Each structure stands twice: as structure tokens, then as C-alpha cells.
Amino acid sequence: MSLPYTEDEFISESECQRLIDYALANKGSTRSLNHTYEPFEGEWIDHGAMYWGNSVDPVTPEEDDPVVLAVNAKVQTFQECTLEYAGIVRWPVDTWMKPHVDSNTGHKQNVLAAMLYLNDGFTGGNLIFKDIFVEPKPGRLFIFKNSENLHYVNKVEGSERFVLSFWYHI
């Protein structure tokens, strides 16, 4: 196996719904920048890892959640690393990210990210690299080197998008 890595049906739709329900029952709120969406066209440069357009609600799952443990085990098959962050993120309609790499200030450098998509029923919300297009599907796991590869998420439309996001460091 090599990176980037995609596995469909990593978890069941009922497990996806359980995580969405957990996020909704425990949601908070963070502020994102409220700017008009412009589809990305142009030079691939790092704009910083920020949410744009709407507020997102990240919720931290339990460390011993069986899905968290399963993703951690899968990531370890690619590189020995330590979980830095795991969060179920609710992306409201009109939320997006510009091209960026995931780099931390005040934290150890990220080496890998894993995205576990939890729902469908929306348009957009795709994870896009220069030569890779990842369409969210419930249960789809995608693992990649997040500090080396510019990527972005196009605008979520029609309904909310939920993803369980992980960042790892050495």
C-alpha cells in the first residue's frame, strides 16, 4: 500500500450516523471568515488552513472510540506516528477551504492526515489536489501526507457535510 490511500466502506453507514449523532449532541462553534466564495482557479500557493464562508462545529470523539482506534491502526501501517488531533467536523452549507498544507504553529509538524467521510446528500465538499479529486462518500477513508501536498475543499452546497478528521505527527 502507498499514499495517498483510499478505502471505501471502511465503516458502515450506521457507524457514520452514530458519529454524526455524537457530533450534533456535543457541538460547539468556531468562527470562520465570512467571504464570498470564488472557485479556485490560479496559482497553487498555500493560503493557510482556514475555514471560509461559514462557522464549523468540531467535536472531539472519545480516544477509545472503536472507529478512532481502527483509523489509528490503519494509519500506522503507513508510518509510525502519533495522533495529534481527531475531530468530527460539521461543514455547514457555504463552507470551503482555499489551497493549503496542514502546518502547525506551536505543535509538532504534521506528517499524515486521515479523512473519514460520514455523509452524502450535498454537492461540493470535495477534497482536491493538483492531480487527485476525492469525492466524499459515507465510510470512505482517505489518508495522505498533509504537510507536503497542497489541497483544498470546494464549497459545500445543499446540505451539511460531516467528516472525521485526523492529524498525525512523528
C-alpha atoms as a PDB file:
ATOM      1  CA  MET A   1       0.000   0.000   0.000  1.00  0.00           C
ATOM      2  CA  SER A   2       1.142   3.526  -0.677  1.00  0.00           C
ATOM      3  CA  LEU A   3      -0.042   7.062  -0.104  1.00  0.00           C
ATOM      4  CA  PRO A   4      -2.381   8.605  -0.880  1.00  0.00           C
ATOM      5  CA  TYR A   5      -4.659   5.756   0.160  1.00  0.00           C
ATOM      6  CA  THR A   6      -8.417   5.376  -0.284  1.00  0.00           C
ATOM      7  CA  GLU A   7     -10.636   2.696   1.238  1.00  0.00           C
ATOM      8  CA  ASP A   8     -14.378   2.661   0.647  1.00  0.00           C
ATOM      9  CA  GLU A   9     -16.724   1.196   3.261  1.00  0.00           C
ATOM     10  CA  PHE A  10     -14.073   1.496   5.989  1.00  0.00           C
ATOM     11  CA  ILE A  11     -17.004   1.819   8.399  1.00  0.00           C
ATOM     12  CA  SER A  12     -20.714   1.129   7.960  1.00  0.00           C
ATOM     13  CA  GLU A  13     -23.382   3.745   7.331  1.00  0.00           C
ATOM     14  CA  SER A  14     -24.769   3.056  10.816  1.00  0.00           C
ATOM     15  CA  GLU A  15     -21.337   3.835  12.315  1.00  0.00           C
ATOM     16  CA  CYS A  16     -21.244   7.025  10.232  1.00  0.00           C
ATOM     17  CA  GLN A  17     -24.648   8.030  11.600  1.00  0.00           C
ATOM     18  CA  ARG A  18     -23.569   7.237  15.181  1.00  0.00           C
ATOM     19  CA  LEU A  19     -20.647   9.663  14.815  1.00  0.00           C
ATOM     20  CA  ILE A  20     -22.847  12.366  13.253  1.00  0.00           C
ATOM     21  CA  ASP A  21     -25.340  11.978  16.117  1.00  0.00           C
ATOM     22  CA  TYR A  22     -22.482  12.259  18.639  1.00  0.00           C
ATOM     23  CA  ALA A  23     -21.229  15.440  16.940  1.00  0.00           C
ATOM     24  CA  LEU A  24     -24.674  17.026  16.899  1.00  0.00           C
ATOM     25  CA  ALA A  25     -25.282  16.188  20.565  1.00  0.00           C
ATOM     26  CA  ASN A  26     -21.926  17.695  21.615  1.00  0.00           C
ATOM     27  CA  LYS A  27     -21.453  20.561  19.180  1.00  0.00           C
ATOM     28  CA  GLY A  28     -19.747  23.833  19.899  1.00  0.00           C
ATOM     29  CA  SER A  29     -18.844  26.531  17.412  1.00  0.00           C
ATOM     30  CA  THR A  30     -15.800  28.201  15.956  1.00  0.00           C
ATOM     31  CA  ARG A  31     -15.755  31.249  13.782  1.00  0.00           C
ATOM     32  CA  SER A  32     -14.641  31.177  10.205  1.00  0.00           C
ATOM     33  CA  LEU A  33     -14.075  34.041   7.832  1.00  0.00           C
ATOM     34  CA  ASN A  34     -17.209  35.183   6.061  1.00  0.00           C
ATOM     35  CA  HIS A  35     -16.099  35.820   2.490  1.00  0.00           C
ATOM     36  CA  THR A  36     -17.738  35.389  -0.880  1.00  0.00           C
ATOM     37  CA  TYR A  37     -16.836  32.062  -2.463  1.00  0.00           C
ATOM     38  CA  GLU A  38     -14.778  32.183  -5.609  1.00  0.00           C
ATOM     39  CA  PRO A  39     -13.988  28.831  -7.229  1.00  0.00           C
ATOM     40  CA  PHE A  40     -10.266  28.222  -7.115  1.00  0.00           C
ATOM     41  CA  GLU A  41      -8.535  28.957 -10.365  1.00  0.00           C
ATOM     42  CA  GLY A  42      -4.950  30.057 -10.446  1.00  0.00           C
ATOM     43  CA  GLU A  43      -1.580  29.524  -8.912  1.00  0.00           C
ATOM     44  CA  TRP A  44      -1.221  26.720  -6.396  1.00  0.00           C
ATOM     45  CA  ILE A  45       0.011  28.546  -3.289  1.00  0.00           C
ATOM     46  CA  ASP A  46      -0.542  27.975   0.414  1.00  0.00           C
ATOM     47  CA  HIS A  47      -3.359  30.225   1.674  1.00  0.00           C
ATOM     48  CA  GLY A  48      -3.252  28.754   5.186  1.00  0.00           C
ATOM     49  CA  ALA A  49      -5.550  26.112   6.640  1.00  0.00           C
ATOM     50  CA  MET A  50      -8.662  28.179   7.407  1.00  0.00           C
ATOM     51  CA  TYR A  51     -12.360  27.564   7.012  1.00  0.00           C
ATOM     52  CA  TRP A  52     -14.130  30.157   4.872  1.00  0.00           C
ATOM     53  CA  GLY A  53     -17.742  31.163   4.376  1.00  0.00           C
ATOM     54  CA  ASN A  54     -19.455  29.802   7.472  1.00  0.00           C
ATOM     55  CA  SER A  55     -18.906  28.535  11.026  1.00  0.00           C
ATOM     56  CA  VAL A  56     -17.852  24.936  11.620  1.00  0.00           C
ATOM     57  CA  ASP A  57     -18.529  22.794  14.690  1.00  0.00           C
ATOM     58  CA  PRO A  58     -15.618  20.460  15.506  1.00  0.00           C
ATOM     59  CA  VAL A  59     -16.339  17.820  18.165  1.00  0.00           C
ATOM     60  CA  THR A  60     -13.627  15.594  19.631  1.00  0.00           C
ATOM     61  CA  PRO A  61     -14.611  11.914  19.752  1.00  0.00           C
ATOM     62  CA  GLU A  62     -13.571   9.658  22.624  1.00  0.00           C
ATOM     63  CA  GLU A  63      -9.978   8.399  22.238  1.00  0.00           C
ATOM     64  CA  ASP A  64     -11.139   4.813  22.743  1.00  0.00           C
ATOM     65  CA  ASP A  65     -13.960   5.036  20.188  1.00  0.00           C
ATOM     66  CA  PRO A  66     -13.668   1.902  18.015  1.00  0.00           C
ATOM     67  CA  VAL A  67     -13.653   3.981  14.817  1.00  0.00           C
ATOM     68  CA  VAL A  68     -10.836   6.205  16.108  1.00  0.00           C
ATOM     69  CA  LEU A  69      -8.852   3.106  17.086  1.00  0.00           C
ATOM     70  CA  ALA A  70      -9.444   1.499  13.670  1.00  0.00           C
ATOM     71  CA  VAL A  71      -8.299   4.610  11.767  1.00  0.00           C
ATOM     72  CA  ASN A  72      -5.234   4.913  14.008  1.00  0.00           C
ATOM     73  CA  ALA A  73      -4.336   1.276  13.316  1.00  0.00           C
ATOM     74  CA  LYS A  74      -4.693   1.786   9.558  1.00  0.00           C
ATOM     75  CA  VAL A  75      -2.546   4.945   9.590  1.00  0.00           C
ATOM     76  CA  GLN A  76       0.187   3.093  11.491  1.00  0.00           C
ATOM     77  CA  THR A  77       0.524   0.672   8.555  1.00  0.00           C
ATOM     78  CA  PHE A  78       1.951   3.578   6.509  1.00  0.00           C
ATOM     79  CA  GLN A  79       4.182   5.281   9.064  1.00  0.00           C
ATOM     80  CA  GLU A  80       4.771   5.102  12.774  1.00  0.00           C
ATOM     81  CA  CYS A  81       3.267   8.315  14.106  1.00  0.00           C
ATOM     82  CA  THR A  82       1.254   9.813  16.947  1.00  0.00           C
ATOM     83  CA  LEU A  83      -2.287  11.143  16.810  1.00  0.00           C
ATOM     84  CA  GLU A  84      -2.223  14.935  17.224  1.00  0.00           C
ATOM     85  CA  TYR A  85      -5.909  15.676  16.655  1.00  0.00           C
ATOM     86  CA  ALA A  86      -9.173  13.916  15.861  1.00  0.00           C
ATOM     87  CA  GLY A  87     -12.391  15.811  15.328  1.00  0.00           C
ATOM     88  CA  ILE A  88     -15.805  15.302  13.799  1.00  0.00           C
ATOM     89  CA  VAL A  89     -16.281  18.466  11.771  1.00  0.00           C
ATOM     90  CA  ARG A  90     -19.685  19.720  10.645  1.00  0.00           C
ATOM     91  CA  TRP A  91     -19.288  21.798   7.488  1.00  0.00           C
ATOM     92  CA  PRO A  92     -22.403  23.964   7.049  1.00  0.00           C
ATOM     93  CA  VAL A  93     -23.640  24.931   3.605  1.00  0.00           C
ATOM     94  CA  ASP A  94     -21.386  27.601   2.002  1.00  0.00           C
ATOM     95  CA  THR A  95     -18.193  26.477   3.801  1.00  0.00           C
ATOM     96  CA  TRP A  96     -14.922  25.835   1.922  1.00  0.00           C
ATOM     97  CA  MET A  97     -11.123  25.941   2.236  1.00  0.00           C
ATOM     98  CA  LYS A  98      -8.570  27.507  -0.091  1.00  0.00           C
ATOM     99  CA  PRO A  99      -5.435  25.608  -1.177  1.00  0.00           C
ATOM    100  CA  HIS A 100      -3.183  24.948   1.811  1.00  0.00           C
ATOM    101  CA  VAL A 101      -0.883  22.497   3.509  1.00  0.00           C
ATOM    102  CA  ASP A 102      -1.568  21.499   7.090  1.00  0.00           C
ATOM    103  CA  SER A 103       1.162  23.037   9.193  1.00  0.00           C
ATOM    104  CA  ASN A 104       1.011  23.837  12.858  1.00  0.00           C
ATOM    105  CA  THR A 105       2.451  26.674  14.860  1.00  0.00           C
ATOM    106  CA  GLY A 106       3.122  25.635  18.421  1.00  0.00           C
ATOM    107  CA  HIS A 107       2.667  21.951  17.614  1.00  0.00           C
ATOM    108  CA  LYS A 108       4.786  19.220  16.127  1.00  0.00           C
ATOM    109  CA  GLN A 109       4.835  19.113  12.341  1.00  0.00           C
ATOM    110  CA  ASN A 110       2.005  17.091  10.841  1.00  0.00           C
ATOM    111  CA  VAL A 111       3.077  14.217   8.613  1.00  0.00           C
ATOM    112  CA  LEU A 112      -0.184  12.443   7.781  1.00  0.00           C
ATOM    113  CA  ALA A 113      -3.874  13.199   7.723  1.00  0.00           C
ATOM    114  CA  ALA A 114      -6.837  10.869   7.516  1.00  0.00           C
ATOM    115  CA  MET A 115     -10.310  11.937   6.445  1.00  0.00           C
ATOM    116  CA  LEU A 116     -13.235   9.622   7.155  1.00  0.00           C
ATOM    117  CA  TYR A 117     -16.340  10.868   5.385  1.00  0.00           C
ATOM    118  CA  LEU A 118     -19.605  10.384   7.249  1.00  0.00           C
ATOM    119  CA  ASN A 119     -22.411  11.516   4.947  1.00  0.00           C
ATOM    120  CA  ASP A 120     -23.534  12.459   1.467  1.00  0.00           C
ATOM    121  CA  GLY A 121     -26.590  14.335   0.213  1.00  0.00           C
ATOM    122  CA  PHE A 122     -24.705  17.551  -0.579  1.00  0.00           C
ATOM    123  CA  THR A 123     -22.785  18.849  -3.557  1.00  0.00           C
ATOM    124  CA  GLY A 124     -19.204  20.086  -3.462  1.00  0.00           C
ATOM    125  CA  GLY A 125     -17.191  19.425  -0.330  1.00  0.00           C
ATOM    126  CA  ASN A 126     -14.627  17.524  -2.410  1.00  0.00           C
ATOM    127  CA  LEU A 127     -11.018  17.259  -1.289  1.00  0.00           C
ATOM    128  CA  ILE A 128      -8.973  18.417  -4.270  1.00  0.00           C
ATOM    129  CA  PHE A 129      -5.266  18.146  -5.003  1.00  0.00           C
ATOM    130  CA  LYS A 130      -3.489  19.205  -8.160  1.00  0.00           C
ATOM    131  CA  ASP A 131      -3.950  15.724  -9.654  1.00  0.00           C
ATOM    132  CA  ILE A 132      -6.397  13.975  -7.275  1.00  0.00           C
ATOM    133  CA  PHE A 133     -10.117  14.525  -6.687  1.00  0.00           C
ATOM    134  CA  VAL A 134     -11.654  12.861  -3.598  1.00  0.00           C
ATOM    135  CA  GLU A 135     -15.443  12.760  -3.536  1.00  0.00           C
ATOM    136  CA  PRO A 136     -16.931  12.330  -0.042  1.00  0.00           C
ATOM    137  CA  LYS A 137     -18.921   9.119   0.407  1.00  0.00           C
ATOM    138  CA  PRO A 138     -20.130   7.708   3.731  1.00  0.00           C
ATOM    139  CA  GLY A 139     -17.495   5.358   5.141  1.00  0.00           C
ATOM    140  CA  ARG A 140     -14.729   6.419   2.711  1.00  0.00           C
ATOM    141  CA  LEU A 141     -11.316   6.739   4.362  1.00  0.00           C
ATOM    142  CA  PHE A 142      -8.619   8.829   2.676  1.00  0.00           C
ATOM    143  CA  ILE A 143      -5.047   9.046   4.062  1.00  0.00           C
ATOM    144  CA  PHE A 144      -2.398  11.416   2.695  1.00  0.00           C
ATOM    145  CA  LYS A 145       0.736  13.418   3.518  1.00  0.00           C
ATOM    146  CA  ASN A 146      -0.927  16.643   4.556  1.00  0.00           C
ATOM    147  CA  SER A 147       2.132  18.789   5.178  1.00  0.00           C
ATOM    148  CA  GLU A 148       3.605  18.077   1.728  1.00  0.00           C
ATOM    149  CA  ASN A 149       0.607  18.243  -0.590  1.00  0.00           C
ATOM    150  CA  LEU A 150      -1.371  21.394  -1.339  1.00  0.00           C
ATOM    151  CA  HIS A 151      -5.085  20.633  -1.177  1.00  0.00           C
ATOM    152  CA  TYR A 152      -8.406  22.384  -0.772  1.00  0.00           C
ATOM    153  CA  VAL A 153     -12.106  21.694  -0.235  1.00  0.00           C
ATOM    154  CA  ASN A 154     -14.597  23.224  -2.641  1.00  0.00           C
ATOM    155  CA  LYS A 155     -17.796  24.868  -1.414  1.00  0.00           C
ATOM    156  CA  VAL A 156     -20.362  22.668   0.342  1.00  0.00           C
ATOM    157  CA  GLU A 157     -23.843  23.207  -1.085  1.00  0.00           C
ATOM    158  CA  GLY A 158     -27.314  21.798  -0.488  1.00  0.00           C
ATOM    159  CA  SER A 159     -26.773  20.211   2.931  1.00  0.00           C
ATOM    160  CA  GLU A 160     -24.177  19.883   5.699  1.00  0.00           C
ATOM    161  CA  ARG A 161     -21.019  17.779   5.262  1.00  0.00           C
ATOM    162  CA  PHE A 162     -19.606  15.720   8.147  1.00  0.00           C
ATOM    163  CA  VAL A 163     -16.063  14.342   8.224  1.00  0.00           C
ATOM    164  CA  LEU A 164     -13.973  12.768  10.976  1.00  0.00           C
ATOM    165  CA  SER A 165     -10.554  14.398  10.518  1.00  0.00           C
ATOM    166  CA  PHE A 166      -7.248  13.165  11.934  1.00  0.00           C
ATOM    167  CA  TRP A 167      -3.782  14.746  12.032  1.00  0.00           C
ATOM    168  CA  TYR A 168      -0.647  12.813  12.974  1.00  0.00           C
ATOM    169  CA  HIS A 169       2.956  13.755  13.791  1.00  0.00           C
ATOM    170  CA  ILE A 170       6.205  11.823  14.210  1.00  0.00           C
END
